[in-house]
């Protein structure tokens, strides 16, 4: 699932958290930010979709149950638009400053959800997503793996994506694992059922060798 070698920022460290619904991405990204800041690194914690002004509007459209049915291609393009704005205004500027960027979801989510989940041609979805993000790749992608029946059970109310069938979410899970298996140098797959602190420790150990490219200091807005 890759159209080329991609671009890895020469400064800063770009870390992405991926996985299915309810897998603990937000918890682990927050814990990692706390540890990094305690170690003196400048950190930007962000997420997709929705962590820009434009993104908030796009998030409302793609996730609100009130939106109803969307063309699969429309949905994929809306997510790509969010990514384009996110990279240009949040991610790349922070990397240029030498900071550590932690994002909850990135391109792999589009490939898994809109590609495999929606059964669109993954190569076509990837071409759009890579173009939108200037083909910028994370130095490390952490995949928190969890069976859909476990993750979806954590939600009392579900948005448009969470409300899809278990079969949809099984395709998503399989796509994440396939991407990780194809590029083990840049992925860390962890069982999301493990204790929170055990997962956090494994992530810190994997990330530590990459931190030489990051600066220490206070994050800028």
N, C-alpha and C. Protein backbone atom coordinates (compact mmCIF):
# COMPACT_ATOMS: atom_id res chain seq x y z
N UNK A 1 0.83 -1.19 0.00
CA UNK A 1 0.00 0.00 0.00
C UNK A 1 0.87 1.25 0.00
N UNK A 2 1.74 1.39 -0.96
CA UNK A 2 2.61 2.56 -0.99
C UNK A 2 2.95 2.88 -2.43
N UNK A 3 2.89 4.15 -2.78
CA UNK A 3 3.18 4.55 -4.15
C UNK A 3 4.60 5.07 -4.29
N UNK A 4 5.37 5.07 -3.23
CA UNK A 4 6.73 5.54 -3.32
C UNK A 4 7.40 5.53 -1.97
N UNK A 5 8.67 5.94 -1.94
CA UNK A 5 9.42 5.89 -0.69
C UNK A 5 8.97 6.91 0.35
N UNK A 6 8.32 7.97 -0.08
CA UNK A 6 7.83 8.97 0.85
C UNK A 6 8.90 9.95 1.28
N UNK A 7 8.47 10.96 2.06
CA UNK A 7 9.35 12.01 2.55
C UNK A 7 9.35 11.97 4.07
N UNK A 8 10.54 11.91 4.65
CA UNK A 8 10.69 11.93 6.10
C UNK A 8 11.38 13.23 6.49
N UNK A 9 10.75 14.00 7.36
CA UNK A 9 11.29 15.31 7.72
C UNK A 9 12.71 15.17 8.28
N UNK A 10 13.66 16.01 7.83
CA UNK A 10 15.04 15.93 8.33
C UNK A 10 15.20 16.49 9.74
N UNK A 11 14.25 17.31 10.17
CA UNK A 11 14.27 17.86 11.53
C UNK A 11 12.97 17.52 12.23
N UNK A 12 13.03 17.45 13.55
CA UNK A 12 11.85 17.07 14.31
C UNK A 12 11.59 15.58 14.22
N UNK A 13 10.60 15.13 14.96
CA UNK A 13 10.20 13.73 14.95
C UNK A 13 8.68 13.67 14.79
N UNK A 14 8.24 12.88 13.83
CA UNK A 14 6.82 12.77 13.51
C UNK A 14 6.34 11.38 13.92
N UNK A 15 5.42 11.33 14.88
CA UNK A 15 4.90 10.07 15.41
C UNK A 15 3.39 10.04 15.21
N UNK A 16 2.90 8.93 14.69
CA UNK A 16 1.47 8.78 14.45
C UNK A 16 0.93 7.61 15.24
N UNK A 17 -0.26 7.79 15.81
CA UNK A 17 -0.98 6.72 16.49
C UNK A 17 -2.15 6.29 15.62
N UNK A 18 -2.20 5.00 15.30
CA UNK A 18 -3.27 4.47 14.47
C UNK A 18 -3.91 3.26 15.16
N UNK A 19 -5.07 2.88 14.67
CA UNK A 19 -5.78 1.72 15.21
C UNK A 19 -7.27 1.92 15.11
N UNK A 20 -7.99 0.89 15.46
CA UNK A 20 -9.44 0.94 15.37
C UNK A 20 -10.07 1.75 16.48
N UNK A 21 -11.38 1.75 16.50
CA UNK A 21 -12.12 2.53 17.49
C UNK A 21 -11.90 1.97 18.90
N UNK A 22 -11.71 2.87 19.86
CA UNK A 22 -11.59 2.45 21.24
C UNK A 22 -10.29 1.76 21.60
N UNK A 23 -9.25 1.93 20.77
CA UNK A 23 -8.00 1.21 21.00
C UNK A 23 -7.05 1.93 21.95
N UNK A 24 -7.37 3.16 22.34
CA UNK A 24 -6.54 3.86 23.31
C UNK A 24 -5.53 4.82 22.73
N UNK A 25 -5.73 5.24 21.51
CA UNK A 25 -4.78 6.16 20.86
C UNK A 25 -4.66 7.48 21.62
N UNK A 26 -5.78 8.04 22.02
CA UNK A 26 -5.76 9.33 22.72
C UNK A 26 -5.03 9.22 24.05
N UNK A 27 -5.26 8.13 24.76
CA UNK A 27 -4.59 7.93 26.05
C UNK A 27 -3.09 7.81 25.87
N UNK A 28 -2.66 7.00 24.91
CA UNK A 28 -1.23 6.79 24.71
C UNK A 28 -0.53 8.02 24.15
N UNK A 29 -1.18 8.76 23.28
CA UNK A 29 -0.55 9.98 22.77
C UNK A 29 -0.40 11.02 23.87
N UNK A 30 -1.39 11.09 24.77
CA UNK A 30 -1.29 12.03 25.89
C UNK A 30 -0.17 11.62 26.84
N UNK A 31 -0.08 10.33 27.16
CA UNK A 31 0.99 9.86 28.05
C UNK A 31 2.36 10.11 27.44
N UNK A 32 2.48 9.91 26.14
CA UNK A 32 3.77 10.14 25.48
C UNK A 32 4.14 11.61 25.50
N UNK A 33 3.16 12.48 25.28
CA UNK A 33 3.44 13.92 25.36
C UNK A 33 3.93 14.28 26.76
N UNK A 34 3.27 13.77 27.79
CA UNK A 34 3.67 14.09 29.16
C UNK A 34 5.11 13.65 29.43
N UNK A 35 5.46 12.46 28.97
CA UNK A 35 6.82 11.96 29.18
C UNK A 35 7.85 12.80 28.42
N UNK A 36 7.54 13.12 27.16
CA UNK A 36 8.47 13.90 26.35
C UNK A 36 8.68 15.29 26.94
N UNK A 37 7.60 15.91 27.38
CA UNK A 37 7.75 17.25 27.97
C UNK A 37 8.55 17.19 29.27
N UNK A 38 8.37 16.12 30.04
CA UNK A 38 9.16 15.96 31.26
C UNK A 38 10.63 15.78 30.95
N UNK A 39 10.92 15.23 29.75
CA UNK A 39 12.29 15.04 29.31
C UNK A 39 12.86 16.30 28.65
N UNK A 40 12.02 17.32 28.53
CA UNK A 40 12.50 18.60 28.01
C UNK A 40 12.28 18.84 26.53
N UNK A 41 11.54 17.97 25.85
CA UNK A 41 11.32 18.14 24.42
C UNK A 41 10.13 19.04 24.14
N UNK A 42 10.22 19.77 23.04
CA UNK A 42 9.09 20.57 22.56
C UNK A 42 8.14 19.64 21.81
N UNK A 43 6.88 19.62 22.20
CA UNK A 43 5.93 18.65 21.68
C UNK A 43 4.67 19.35 21.18
N UNK A 44 4.16 18.88 20.04
CA UNK A 44 2.85 19.28 19.55
C UNK A 44 1.99 18.03 19.50
N UNK A 45 0.90 18.01 20.25
CA UNK A 45 -0.05 16.91 20.24
C UNK A 45 -1.26 17.33 19.41
N UNK A 46 -1.56 16.58 18.37
CA UNK A 46 -2.61 16.98 17.44
C UNK A 46 -3.41 15.75 17.01
N UNK A 47 -4.37 15.94 16.11
CA UNK A 47 -5.24 14.83 15.73
C UNK A 47 -5.90 15.12 14.39
N UNK A 48 -6.42 14.07 13.77
CA UNK A 48 -7.21 14.18 12.55
C UNK A 48 -8.46 13.32 12.69
N UNK A 49 -9.55 13.80 12.10
CA UNK A 49 -9.73 15.11 11.48
C UNK A 49 -10.12 16.16 12.51
N UNK A 50 -9.83 17.43 12.20
CA UNK A 50 -10.43 18.50 12.98
C UNK A 50 -9.55 19.42 13.77
N UNK A 51 -8.21 19.31 13.70
CA UNK A 51 -7.39 20.17 14.55
C UNK A 51 -6.92 21.44 13.83
N UNK A 52 -7.74 21.95 12.94
CA UNK A 52 -7.56 23.27 12.34
C UNK A 52 -8.95 23.88 12.22
N UNK A 53 -9.03 25.16 11.93
CA UNK A 53 -10.34 25.79 11.78
C UNK A 53 -11.12 25.15 10.65
N UNK A 54 -10.46 24.96 9.51
CA UNK A 54 -11.11 24.28 8.38
C UNK A 54 -11.45 22.84 8.76
N UNK A 55 -10.52 22.19 9.45
CA UNK A 55 -10.73 20.80 9.83
C UNK A 55 -11.93 20.59 10.72
N UNK A 56 -12.22 21.56 11.60
CA UNK A 56 -13.38 21.41 12.48
C UNK A 56 -14.67 21.33 11.68
N UNK A 57 -14.76 22.11 10.62
CA UNK A 57 -15.94 22.06 9.77
C UNK A 57 -16.02 20.73 9.03
N UNK A 58 -14.88 20.26 8.55
CA UNK A 58 -14.85 18.98 7.83
C UNK A 58 -15.17 17.82 8.77
N UNK A 59 -14.66 17.90 10.01
CA UNK A 59 -14.94 16.84 10.98
C UNK A 59 -16.44 16.72 11.25
N UNK A 60 -17.08 17.86 11.40
CA UNK A 60 -18.53 17.84 11.64
C UNK A 60 -19.24 17.14 10.50
N UNK A 61 -18.82 17.38 9.27
CA UNK A 61 -19.49 16.78 8.12
C UNK A 61 -19.27 15.27 8.08
N UNK A 62 -18.01 14.84 8.24
CA UNK A 62 -17.70 13.42 8.03
C UNK A 62 -18.11 12.53 9.21
N UNK A 63 -18.22 13.11 10.42
CA UNK A 63 -18.51 12.28 11.58
C UNK A 63 -19.92 12.41 12.13
N UNK A 64 -20.59 13.51 11.88
CA UNK A 64 -21.91 13.68 12.47
C UNK A 64 -22.93 12.73 11.84
N UNK A 65 -23.68 11.98 12.65
CA UNK A 65 -24.73 11.13 12.11
C UNK A 65 -25.77 11.92 11.32
N UNK A 66 -25.89 13.22 11.63
CA UNK A 66 -26.85 14.05 10.92
C UNK A 66 -26.50 14.22 9.44
N UNK A 67 -25.24 14.00 9.09
CA UNK A 67 -24.83 14.11 7.69
C UNK A 67 -25.51 13.05 6.84
N UNK A 68 -25.74 11.88 7.43
CA UNK A 68 -26.36 10.80 6.67
C UNK A 68 -25.38 10.18 5.69
N UNK A 69 -25.91 9.70 4.59
CA UNK A 69 -25.08 9.02 3.59
C UNK A 69 -24.23 10.02 2.81
N UNK A 70 -22.98 9.65 2.59
CA UNK A 70 -22.08 10.40 1.73
C UNK A 70 -21.55 9.46 0.66
N UNK A 71 -21.30 9.98 -0.53
CA UNK A 71 -20.57 9.20 -1.51
C UNK A 71 -19.22 8.81 -0.90
N UNK A 72 -18.80 7.58 -1.13
CA UNK A 72 -17.52 7.13 -0.60
C UNK A 72 -16.37 8.02 -1.08
N UNK A 73 -16.43 8.44 -2.33
CA UNK A 73 -15.38 9.31 -2.87
C UNK A 73 -15.43 10.69 -2.23
N UNK A 74 -16.62 11.18 -1.99
CA UNK A 74 -16.76 12.47 -1.31
C UNK A 74 -16.12 12.40 0.07
N UNK A 75 -16.42 11.34 0.79
CA UNK A 75 -15.86 11.17 2.13
C UNK A 75 -14.33 11.15 2.08
N UNK A 76 -13.77 10.39 1.14
CA UNK A 76 -12.31 10.30 1.03
C UNK A 76 -11.69 11.67 0.71
N UNK A 77 -12.35 12.44 -0.13
CA UNK A 77 -11.82 13.76 -0.48
C UNK A 77 -11.92 14.74 0.67
N UNK A 78 -12.97 14.65 1.47
CA UNK A 78 -13.09 15.51 2.65
C UNK A 78 -11.98 15.22 3.65
N UNK A 79 -11.69 13.94 3.86
CA UNK A 79 -10.59 13.59 4.75
C UNK A 79 -9.25 14.08 4.19
N UNK A 80 -9.08 13.99 2.88
CA UNK A 80 -7.84 14.47 2.27
C UNK A 80 -7.69 15.98 2.44
N UNK A 81 -8.80 16.70 2.33
CA UNK A 81 -8.75 18.16 2.52
C UNK A 81 -8.34 18.49 3.95
N UNK A 82 -8.86 17.76 4.92
CA UNK A 82 -8.46 17.97 6.31
C UNK A 82 -6.97 17.74 6.47
N UNK A 83 -6.45 16.69 5.85
CA UNK A 83 -5.03 16.38 5.96
C UNK A 83 -4.16 17.45 5.32
N UNK A 84 -4.57 17.97 4.19
CA UNK A 84 -3.80 19.01 3.53
C UNK A 84 -3.64 20.24 4.42
N UNK A 85 -4.74 20.67 5.02
CA UNK A 85 -4.70 21.84 5.90
C UNK A 85 -3.90 21.54 7.17
N UNK A 86 -4.05 20.34 7.68
CA UNK A 86 -3.37 19.93 8.91
C UNK A 86 -1.86 19.92 8.73
N UNK A 87 -1.39 19.33 7.65
CA UNK A 87 0.05 19.26 7.40
C UNK A 87 0.63 20.65 7.16
N UNK A 88 -0.05 21.44 6.34
CA UNK A 88 0.49 22.76 5.99
C UNK A 88 0.52 23.74 7.16
N UNK A 89 -0.45 23.64 8.06
CA UNK A 89 -0.56 24.66 9.12
C UNK A 89 -0.15 24.19 10.51
N UNK A 90 -0.10 22.87 10.74
CA UNK A 90 0.24 22.36 12.07
C UNK A 90 1.48 21.48 12.05
N UNK A 91 1.44 20.42 11.26
CA UNK A 91 2.48 19.40 11.33
C UNK A 91 3.82 19.88 10.80
N UNK A 92 3.84 20.34 9.54
CA UNK A 92 5.12 20.72 8.93
C UNK A 92 5.80 21.89 9.64
N UNK A 93 5.07 22.95 10.03
CA UNK A 93 5.74 24.04 10.76
C UNK A 93 6.41 23.57 12.04
N UNK A 94 5.76 22.65 12.77
CA UNK A 94 6.35 22.14 14.02
C UNK A 94 7.59 21.31 13.73
N UNK A 95 7.55 20.50 12.70
CA UNK A 95 8.73 19.71 12.33
C UNK A 95 9.87 20.62 11.89
N UNK A 96 9.55 21.68 11.17
CA UNK A 96 10.58 22.63 10.75
C UNK A 96 11.27 23.27 11.96
N UNK A 97 10.53 23.41 13.06
CA UNK A 97 11.10 23.96 14.29
C UNK A 97 11.87 22.90 15.08
N UNK A 98 11.87 21.67 14.60
CA UNK A 98 12.58 20.60 15.28
C UNK A 98 11.82 19.97 16.42
N UNK A 99 10.51 20.14 16.46
CA UNK A 99 9.71 19.63 17.57
C UNK A 99 9.26 18.19 17.32
N UNK A 100 8.72 17.59 18.36
CA UNK A 100 8.12 16.25 18.24
C UNK A 100 6.63 16.44 18.00
N UNK A 101 6.14 15.90 16.89
CA UNK A 101 4.72 15.99 16.56
C UNK A 101 4.08 14.63 16.78
N UNK A 102 3.06 14.59 17.62
CA UNK A 102 2.29 13.38 17.89
C UNK A 102 0.90 13.58 17.31
N UNK A 103 0.50 12.74 16.38
CA UNK A 103 -0.83 12.89 15.81
C UNK A 103 -1.66 11.63 16.02
N UNK A 104 -2.88 11.84 16.45
CA UNK A 104 -3.87 10.78 16.59
C UNK A 104 -4.58 10.66 15.24
N UNK A 105 -4.13 9.73 14.42
CA UNK A 105 -4.57 9.42 13.06
C UNK A 105 -3.84 10.28 12.03
N UNK A 106 -3.65 9.63 10.85
CA UNK A 106 -2.99 10.32 9.73
C UNK A 106 -3.39 9.58 8.45
N UNK A 107 -2.50 9.48 7.49
CA UNK A 107 -2.84 8.91 6.18
C UNK A 107 -3.30 7.46 6.28
N UNK A 108 -2.67 6.68 7.16
CA UNK A 108 -3.05 5.26 7.24
C UNK A 108 -4.54 5.08 7.57
N UNK A 109 -5.10 6.01 8.34
CA UNK A 109 -6.53 5.91 8.64
C UNK A 109 -7.37 6.06 7.39
N UNK A 110 -6.97 6.96 6.49
CA UNK A 110 -7.69 7.11 5.23
C UNK A 110 -7.59 5.84 4.39
N UNK A 111 -6.40 5.26 4.35
CA UNK A 111 -6.22 4.03 3.57
C UNK A 111 -7.03 2.88 4.17
N UNK A 112 -7.09 2.83 5.50
CA UNK A 112 -7.81 1.74 6.15
C UNK A 112 -9.32 1.93 6.10
N UNK A 113 -9.78 3.13 6.43
CA UNK A 113 -11.22 3.37 6.52
C UNK A 113 -11.86 3.65 5.16
N UNK A 114 -11.30 4.62 4.43
CA UNK A 114 -11.92 4.96 3.16
C UNK A 114 -11.48 4.03 2.03
N UNK A 115 -10.29 3.45 2.17
CA UNK A 115 -9.83 2.49 1.17
C UNK A 115 -10.40 1.12 1.44
N UNK A 116 -9.82 0.42 2.41
CA UNK A 116 -10.26 -0.95 2.71
C UNK A 116 -11.68 -1.00 3.25
N UNK A 117 -12.02 -0.08 4.17
CA UNK A 117 -13.34 -0.11 4.76
C UNK A 117 -14.45 0.13 3.77
N UNK A 118 -14.29 1.16 2.97
CA UNK A 118 -15.30 1.51 1.97
C UNK A 118 -15.15 0.72 0.68
N UNK A 119 -14.09 -0.07 0.59
CA UNK A 119 -13.82 -0.88 -0.60
C UNK A 119 -13.56 -0.04 -1.84
N UNK A 120 -12.97 1.14 -1.64
CA UNK A 120 -12.48 1.93 -2.76
C UNK A 120 -11.12 1.38 -3.18
N UNK A 121 -10.67 1.74 -4.37
CA UNK A 121 -9.35 1.32 -4.83
C UNK A 121 -8.30 1.99 -3.96
N UNK A 122 -7.59 1.20 -3.16
CA UNK A 122 -6.67 1.76 -2.18
C UNK A 122 -5.58 2.58 -2.85
N UNK A 123 -5.08 2.14 -4.00
CA UNK A 123 -4.03 2.89 -4.70
C UNK A 123 -4.51 4.28 -5.07
N UNK A 124 -5.77 4.41 -5.48
CA UNK A 124 -6.30 5.72 -5.84
C UNK A 124 -6.47 6.60 -4.60
N UNK A 125 -6.99 6.02 -3.52
CA UNK A 125 -7.14 6.77 -2.27
C UNK A 125 -5.78 7.23 -1.78
N UNK A 126 -4.78 6.36 -1.87
CA UNK A 126 -3.45 6.72 -1.40
C UNK A 126 -2.85 7.85 -2.23
N UNK A 127 -3.05 7.80 -3.53
CA UNK A 127 -2.50 8.86 -4.38
C UNK A 127 -3.03 10.23 -3.97
N UNK A 128 -4.32 10.31 -3.68
CA UNK A 128 -4.92 11.57 -3.25
C UNK A 128 -4.38 11.99 -1.88
N UNK A 129 -4.33 11.04 -0.95
CA UNK A 129 -3.87 11.35 0.41
C UNK A 129 -2.40 11.76 0.44
N UNK A 130 -1.58 11.08 -0.34
CA UNK A 130 -0.16 11.43 -0.37
C UNK A 130 0.06 12.79 -1.01
N UNK A 131 -0.71 13.10 -2.05
CA UNK A 131 -0.61 14.42 -2.67
C UNK A 131 -1.02 15.50 -1.68
N UNK A 132 -2.09 15.25 -0.93
CA UNK A 132 -2.59 16.24 0.03
C UNK A 132 -1.58 16.53 1.13
N UNK A 133 -0.77 15.55 1.48
CA UNK A 133 0.17 15.69 2.59
C UNK A 133 1.62 15.88 2.13
N UNK A 134 1.82 16.17 0.85
CA UNK A 134 3.18 16.30 0.29
C UNK A 134 3.98 15.01 0.49
N UNK A 135 3.27 13.88 0.63
CA UNK A 135 3.90 12.58 0.83
C UNK A 135 4.75 12.52 2.10
N UNK A 136 4.41 13.36 3.08
CA UNK A 136 5.13 13.37 4.35
C UNK A 136 4.77 12.13 5.16
N UNK A 137 5.79 11.37 5.59
CA UNK A 137 5.55 10.13 6.33
C UNK A 137 6.00 10.28 7.78
N UNK A 138 5.33 9.62 8.70
CA UNK A 138 5.79 9.59 10.10
C UNK A 138 7.09 8.81 10.22
N UNK A 139 7.95 9.25 11.12
CA UNK A 139 9.14 8.47 11.42
C UNK A 139 8.76 7.17 12.14
N UNK A 140 7.66 7.22 12.90
CA UNK A 140 7.17 6.05 13.62
C UNK A 140 5.65 6.08 13.65
N UNK A 141 5.03 4.96 13.28
CA UNK A 141 3.58 4.80 13.41
C UNK A 141 3.31 3.69 14.41
N UNK A 142 2.59 4.03 15.47
CA UNK A 142 2.21 3.06 16.49
C UNK A 142 0.80 2.58 16.19
N UNK A 143 0.65 1.29 15.94
CA UNK A 143 -0.66 0.69 15.69
C UNK A 143 -1.11 -0.04 16.95
N UNK A 144 -2.19 0.46 17.54
CA UNK A 144 -2.76 -0.20 18.72
C UNK A 144 -3.86 -1.14 18.22
N UNK A 145 -3.56 -2.40 18.27
CA UNK A 145 -4.42 -3.41 17.65
C UNK A 145 -5.46 -3.93 18.63
N UNK A 146 -6.71 -3.90 18.20
CA UNK A 146 -7.82 -4.34 19.06
C UNK A 146 -8.95 -4.85 18.17
N UNK A 147 -9.50 -6.00 18.53
CA UNK A 147 -10.63 -6.55 17.78
C UNK A 147 -11.81 -5.58 17.86
N UNK A 148 -12.50 -5.35 16.74
CA UNK A 148 -13.61 -4.39 16.73
C UNK A 148 -14.66 -4.61 17.79
N UNK A 149 -14.98 -5.87 18.08
CA UNK A 149 -16.03 -6.12 19.07
C UNK A 149 -15.65 -5.62 20.46
N UNK A 150 -14.35 -5.54 20.72
CA UNK A 150 -13.90 -5.01 22.01
C UNK A 150 -13.91 -3.48 22.00
N UNK A 151 -13.36 -2.89 20.93
CA UNK A 151 -13.27 -1.44 20.87
C UNK A 151 -14.60 -0.74 20.75
N UNK A 152 -15.50 -1.27 19.91
CA UNK A 152 -16.78 -0.61 19.68
C UNK A 152 -17.68 -0.70 20.91
N UNK A 153 -17.44 -1.69 21.75
CA UNK A 153 -18.25 -1.83 22.95
C UNK A 153 -18.01 -0.75 23.98
N UNK A 154 -16.97 0.09 23.75
CA UNK A 154 -16.65 1.15 24.70
C UNK A 154 -17.46 2.42 24.46
N UNK A 155 -18.29 2.43 23.42
CA UNK A 155 -19.03 3.64 23.07
C UNK A 155 -20.52 3.46 23.33
N UNK A 156 -21.10 4.39 24.07
CA UNK A 156 -22.55 4.37 24.25
C UNK A 156 -23.25 4.97 23.03
N UNK A 157 -22.63 6.02 22.47
CA UNK A 157 -23.14 6.62 21.25
C UNK A 157 -22.04 6.57 20.20
N UNK A 158 -22.42 6.42 18.95
CA UNK A 158 -21.43 6.26 17.89
C UNK A 158 -21.62 7.32 16.81
N UNK A 159 -20.47 7.78 16.24
CA UNK A 159 -20.55 8.71 15.12
C UNK A 159 -20.74 7.91 13.82
N UNK A 160 -20.68 8.60 12.67
CA UNK A 160 -20.94 7.93 11.39
C UNK A 160 -20.01 6.75 11.15
N UNK A 161 -18.74 6.91 11.50
CA UNK A 161 -17.76 5.85 11.23
C UNK A 161 -17.87 4.74 12.26
N UNK A 162 -17.98 5.11 13.53
CA UNK A 162 -18.10 4.10 14.58
C UNK A 162 -19.35 3.24 14.38
N UNK A 163 -20.37 3.82 13.75
CA UNK A 163 -21.62 3.11 13.55
C UNK A 163 -21.64 2.13 12.40
N UNK A 164 -20.53 2.01 11.68
CA UNK A 164 -20.47 1.03 10.59
C UNK A 164 -20.46 -0.39 11.13
N UNK A 165 -20.64 -1.35 10.26
CA UNK A 165 -20.75 -2.76 10.65
C UNK A 165 -19.43 -3.30 11.19
N UNK A 166 -19.52 -4.39 11.94
CA UNK A 166 -18.32 -5.06 12.43
C UNK A 166 -17.46 -5.50 11.26
N UNK A 167 -18.08 -5.94 10.17
CA UNK A 167 -17.32 -6.37 8.99
C UNK A 167 -16.49 -5.22 8.43
N UNK A 168 -17.06 -4.02 8.41
CA UNK A 168 -16.33 -2.83 7.98
C UNK A 168 -15.09 -2.64 8.86
N UNK A 169 -15.28 -2.70 10.15
CA UNK A 169 -14.17 -2.47 11.08
C UNK A 169 -13.15 -3.61 11.06
N UNK A 170 -13.57 -4.80 10.70
CA UNK A 170 -12.61 -5.89 10.52
C UNK A 170 -11.71 -5.61 9.31
N UNK A 171 -12.29 -5.08 8.24
CA UNK A 171 -11.46 -4.72 7.07
C UNK A 171 -10.47 -3.63 7.44
N UNK A 172 -10.91 -2.68 8.25
CA UNK A 172 -10.04 -1.60 8.70
C UNK A 172 -8.87 -2.17 9.50
N UNK A 173 -9.18 -3.04 10.44
CA UNK A 173 -8.14 -3.64 11.27
C UNK A 173 -7.12 -4.39 10.42
N UNK A 174 -7.59 -5.19 9.49
CA UNK A 174 -6.70 -5.96 8.63
C UNK A 174 -5.79 -5.04 7.81
N UNK A 175 -6.33 -3.90 7.38
CA UNK A 175 -5.53 -2.97 6.59
C UNK A 175 -4.40 -2.37 7.42
N UNK A 176 -4.69 -1.98 8.66
CA UNK A 176 -3.64 -1.45 9.53
C UNK A 176 -2.52 -2.47 9.72
N UNK A 177 -2.88 -3.71 9.97
CA UNK A 177 -1.88 -4.75 10.20
C UNK A 177 -1.08 -5.04 8.94
N UNK A 178 -1.72 -4.98 7.79
CA UNK A 178 -1.01 -5.21 6.53
C UNK A 178 0.00 -4.10 6.25
N UNK A 179 -0.38 -2.85 6.52
CA UNK A 179 0.55 -1.74 6.31
C UNK A 179 1.75 -1.85 7.23
N UNK A 180 1.50 -2.24 8.47
CA UNK A 180 2.60 -2.38 9.43
C UNK A 180 3.54 -3.52 9.02
N UNK A 181 2.97 -4.62 8.56
CA UNK A 181 3.80 -5.76 8.16
C UNK A 181 4.65 -5.43 6.94
N UNK A 182 4.17 -4.54 6.09
CA UNK A 182 4.90 -4.19 4.87
C UNK A 182 6.06 -3.23 5.13
N UNK A 183 6.08 -2.57 6.28
CA UNK A 183 7.12 -1.57 6.57
C UNK A 183 7.50 -1.61 8.06
N UNK A 184 8.03 -2.74 8.53
CA UNK A 184 8.29 -2.89 9.97
C UNK A 184 9.29 -1.90 10.53
N UNK A 185 10.11 -1.30 9.69
CA UNK A 185 11.10 -0.33 10.17
C UNK A 185 10.44 0.90 10.76
N UNK A 186 9.25 1.25 10.25
CA UNK A 186 8.60 2.49 10.66
C UNK A 186 7.32 2.25 11.47
N UNK A 187 7.04 1.00 11.83
CA UNK A 187 5.81 0.69 12.56
C UNK A 187 6.12 -0.07 13.85
N UNK A 188 5.26 0.15 14.83
CA UNK A 188 5.26 -0.61 16.07
C UNK A 188 3.83 -1.05 16.33
N UNK A 189 3.59 -2.35 16.31
CA UNK A 189 2.25 -2.89 16.54
C UNK A 189 2.19 -3.43 17.97
N UNK A 190 1.19 -2.97 18.71
CA UNK A 190 1.04 -3.37 20.11
C UNK A 190 -0.39 -3.84 20.37
N UNK A 191 -0.52 -4.82 21.22
CA UNK A 191 -1.82 -5.33 21.63
C UNK A 191 -2.47 -4.29 22.55
N UNK A 192 -3.56 -3.69 22.11
CA UNK A 192 -4.21 -2.63 22.89
C UNK A 192 -4.83 -3.14 24.18
N UNK A 193 -4.88 -4.46 24.38
CA UNK A 193 -5.44 -5.01 25.61
C UNK A 193 -4.41 -5.06 26.74
N UNK A 194 -3.14 -4.82 26.42
CA UNK A 194 -2.11 -4.82 27.44
C UNK A 194 -2.33 -3.66 28.42
N UNK A 195 -1.76 -3.74 29.62
CA UNK A 195 -1.88 -2.62 30.56
C UNK A 195 -1.37 -1.32 29.96
N UNK A 196 -2.03 -0.23 30.28
CA UNK A 196 -1.70 1.07 29.70
C UNK A 196 -0.23 1.42 29.88
N UNK A 197 0.30 1.22 31.07
CA UNK A 197 1.69 1.59 31.34
C UNK A 197 2.67 0.70 30.58
N UNK A 198 2.31 -0.55 30.37
CA UNK A 198 3.19 -1.45 29.60
C UNK A 198 3.26 -0.99 28.15
N UNK A 199 2.13 -0.61 27.59
CA UNK A 199 2.11 -0.09 26.23
C UNK A 199 2.95 1.18 26.15
N UNK A 200 2.76 2.08 27.10
CA UNK A 200 3.49 3.35 27.10
C UNK A 200 4.99 3.13 27.16
N UNK A 201 5.43 2.16 27.95
CA UNK A 201 6.86 1.88 28.08
C UNK A 201 7.44 1.37 26.76
N UNK A 202 6.69 0.52 26.06
CA UNK A 202 7.18 0.00 24.78
C UNK A 202 7.28 1.11 23.75
N UNK A 203 6.33 2.02 23.77
CA UNK A 203 6.38 3.15 22.83
C UNK A 203 7.59 4.03 23.11
N UNK A 204 7.83 4.32 24.38
CA UNK A 204 8.98 5.16 24.73
C UNK A 204 10.29 4.51 24.29
N UNK A 205 10.39 3.20 24.49
CA UNK A 205 11.62 2.50 24.11
C UNK A 205 11.84 2.55 22.61
N UNK A 206 10.77 2.41 21.83
CA UNK A 206 10.89 2.45 20.37
C UNK A 206 11.23 3.84 19.87
N UNK A 207 10.69 4.85 20.53
CA UNK A 207 10.87 6.22 20.07
C UNK A 207 12.23 6.81 20.46
N UNK A 208 12.78 6.40 21.56
CA UNK A 208 13.99 7.03 22.10
C UNK A 208 15.11 7.20 21.09
N UNK A 209 15.46 6.19 20.27
CA UNK A 209 16.55 6.38 19.32
C UNK A 209 16.30 7.47 18.28
N UNK A 210 15.04 7.83 18.06
CA UNK A 210 14.71 8.84 17.05
C UNK A 210 14.83 10.25 17.59
N UNK A 211 14.91 10.41 18.89
CA UNK A 211 14.81 11.74 19.50
C UNK A 211 16.04 12.61 19.28
N UNK A 212 17.10 12.04 18.76
CA UNK A 212 18.30 12.86 18.51
C UNK A 212 18.05 13.95 17.47
N UNK A 213 17.01 13.77 16.65
CA UNK A 213 16.70 14.77 15.62
C UNK A 213 15.79 15.89 16.15
N UNK A 214 15.34 15.77 17.40
CA UNK A 214 14.41 16.75 17.98
C UNK A 214 15.14 17.72 18.90
N UNK A 215 14.55 18.91 19.05
CA UNK A 215 15.10 19.91 19.94
C UNK A 215 14.42 19.82 21.30
N UNK A 216 15.08 20.34 22.29
CA UNK A 216 14.48 20.46 23.61
C UNK A 216 14.07 21.91 23.81
N UNK A 217 12.94 22.12 24.43
CA UNK A 217 12.46 23.49 24.65
C UNK A 217 10.97 23.54 24.70
N UNK A 218 10.41 24.74 24.74
CA UNK A 218 8.97 24.94 24.88
C UNK A 218 8.33 24.99 23.50
N UNK A 219 7.24 24.23 23.32
CA UNK A 219 6.52 24.25 22.06
C UNK A 219 5.96 25.63 21.76
N UNK A 220 5.96 25.98 20.48
CA UNK A 220 5.38 27.24 20.04
C UNK A 220 3.97 26.97 19.55
N UNK A 221 3.09 28.01 19.59
CA UNK A 221 1.73 27.79 19.10
C UNK A 221 1.72 27.57 17.60
